[in-house]
Amino acid sequence: MAIKKIMLVDDSATERHLIGEILTKAGFQVIVIEDGEHAVAQSKIDLPDLIVMDVVMPGLNGFQATRAITKDPVTAHIPVILCTTKDQETDKVWGLRQGAKDYVTKPVNGADLLGKIAALA
């Protein structure tokens, strides 16, 4: 699967800018979303090739949004990479159990993130 369009979900304007720059400079079209509720709704409309999802957000957190997206037949084919400050092994295991395909920790290493995206392509 060719990954061209990536949905970036993060409530932090700084993180959206930093991660968005990494993805844009790598040639991806980036759709920026600020919270989990909008990510779930917008993913059904935009059908991105990949979602990079923060975990700690107000309202619907990244674990909940990932579970909703990966369980919905319309969006279940979209891989999710969780991108968070939560770096405990239990957080990673829980994230993968919610349907995420991979997990990166903040601060994001651009090469690491792009490598994980390439591995899913």
Protein backbone atom coordinates (compact mmCIF):
# COMPACT_ATOMS: atom_id res chain seq x y z
CA MET A 1 0.00 0.00 0.00
CA ALA A 2 1.38 3.39 -0.95
CA ILE A 3 1.12 5.91 1.86
CA LYS A 4 0.52 9.42 0.55
CA LYS A 5 -2.11 11.00 2.80
CA ILE A 6 -1.50 11.02 6.57
CA MET A 7 -3.87 12.25 9.26
CA LEU A 8 -1.97 13.80 12.17
CA VAL A 9 -3.96 13.93 15.41
CA ASP A 10 -2.53 15.91 18.33
CA ASP A 11 -3.97 18.49 20.71
CA SER A 12 -0.62 20.34 20.97
CA ALA A 13 -0.06 23.05 18.34
CA THR A 14 3.70 22.66 18.82
CA GLU A 15 3.63 18.90 18.21
CA ARG A 16 1.30 19.32 15.22
CA HIS A 17 3.78 21.78 13.74
CA LEU A 18 6.90 19.70 14.46
CA ILE A 19 5.51 16.35 13.31
CA GLY A 20 3.66 18.01 10.43
CA GLU A 21 6.96 19.45 9.18
CA ILE A 22 8.64 16.03 9.29
CA LEU A 23 5.81 14.50 7.29
CA THR A 24 5.42 17.36 4.80
CA LYS A 25 9.16 17.51 4.08
CA ALA A 26 9.04 13.77 3.41
CA GLY A 27 6.43 14.42 0.71
CA PHE A 28 3.24 13.37 2.49
CA GLN A 29 -0.07 15.21 2.29
CA VAL A 30 -0.94 15.96 5.93
CA ILE A 31 -4.43 16.40 7.36
CA VAL A 32 -4.23 18.00 10.81
CA ILE A 33 -6.82 17.17 13.47
CA GLU A 34 -6.81 18.48 17.06
CA ASP A 35 -8.73 15.82 19.00
CA GLY A 36 -9.92 12.23 19.04
CA GLU A 37 -13.59 12.89 18.33
CA HIS A 38 -12.81 14.77 15.12
CA ALA A 39 -10.24 12.14 14.14
CA VAL A 40 -12.85 9.38 14.31
CA ALA A 41 -15.39 11.39 12.30
CA GLN A 42 -12.94 12.85 9.77
CA SER A 43 -11.18 9.54 9.12
CA LYS A 44 -14.45 8.24 7.62
CA ILE A 45 -14.58 11.22 5.26
CA ASP A 46 -10.91 11.65 4.28
CA LEU A 47 -9.93 7.96 4.42
CA PRO A 48 -6.22 8.70 4.98
CA ASP A 49 -3.58 6.08 4.19
CA LEU A 50 -2.21 6.33 7.75
CA ILE A 51 -3.04 8.04 11.03
CA VAL A 52 -0.40 9.33 13.46
CA MET A 53 -2.30 9.60 16.76
CA ASP A 54 -1.39 11.28 20.04
CA VAL A 55 -2.61 9.45 23.15
CA VAL A 56 -3.06 12.11 25.85
CA MET A 57 -5.83 14.41 24.60
CA PRO A 58 -8.92 15.90 26.25
CA GLY A 59 -12.20 14.13 25.52
CA LEU A 60 -11.67 10.98 23.48
CA ASN A 61 -8.04 9.96 24.07
CA GLY A 62 -5.83 8.36 21.46
CA PHE A 63 -6.37 4.83 22.75
CA GLN A 64 -10.16 5.27 22.51
CA ALA A 65 -10.00 6.96 19.10
CA THR A 66 -7.67 4.24 17.76
CA ARG A 67 -10.03 1.53 18.99
CA ALA A 68 -13.03 3.29 17.35
CA ILE A 69 -11.19 3.72 14.03
CA THR A 70 -9.75 0.21 13.85
CA LYS A 71 -13.06 -1.46 14.82
CA ASP A 72 -15.20 0.48 12.30
CA PRO A 73 -15.56 -1.44 9.00
CA VAL A 74 -15.23 1.85 7.05
CA THR A 75 -11.85 2.73 8.59
CA ALA A 76 -10.50 -0.60 9.88
CA HIS A 77 -8.01 -0.80 6.97
CA ILE A 78 -6.26 2.45 8.03
CA PRO A 79 -3.10 1.77 10.04
CA VAL A 80 -2.55 3.87 13.17
CA ILE A 81 0.81 4.78 14.68
CA LEU A 82 0.47 6.04 18.23
CA CYS A 83 2.77 8.97 18.98
CA THR A 84 2.97 9.88 22.65
CA THR A 85 5.00 10.80 25.70
CA LYS A 86 3.67 7.66 27.40
CA ASP A 87 6.75 5.47 27.13
CA GLN A 88 6.04 2.58 29.48
CA GLU A 89 5.98 -0.91 27.97
CA THR A 90 2.43 -1.39 29.33
CA ASP A 91 1.30 1.72 27.41
CA LYS A 92 2.78 0.33 24.20
CA VAL A 93 1.18 -3.09 24.71
CA TRP A 94 -2.18 -1.48 25.50
CA GLY A 95 -1.93 0.76 22.41
CA LEU A 96 -1.23 -2.21 20.17
CA ARG A 97 -4.15 -4.07 21.73
CA GLN A 98 -6.40 -1.13 20.76
CA GLY A 99 -5.50 -1.74 17.12
CA ALA A 100 -2.43 0.45 16.57
CA LYS A 101 0.17 -0.97 14.18
CA ASP A 102 3.14 0.79 15.80
CA TYR A 103 4.15 3.19 18.56
CA VAL A 104 6.63 6.08 18.72
CA THR A 105 7.49 8.24 21.70
CA LYS A 106 7.90 11.99 21.93
CA PRO A 107 10.03 13.90 21.33
CA VAL A 108 9.68 12.39 17.87
CA ASN A 109 12.80 11.33 16.02
CA GLY A 110 11.99 12.08 12.37
CA ALA A 111 14.03 9.21 10.97
CA ASP A 112 12.39 6.78 13.40
CA LEU A 113 8.87 7.93 12.49
CA LEU A 114 9.58 7.84 8.75
CA GLY A 115 11.09 4.36 9.14
CA LYS A 116 7.96 3.09 10.85
CA ILE A 117 5.82 4.62 8.10
CA ALA A 118 7.96 2.99 5.42
CA ALA A 119 7.64 -0.38 7.18
CA LEU A 120 3.83 -0.11 6.91
CA ALA A 121 3.85 0.90 3.23
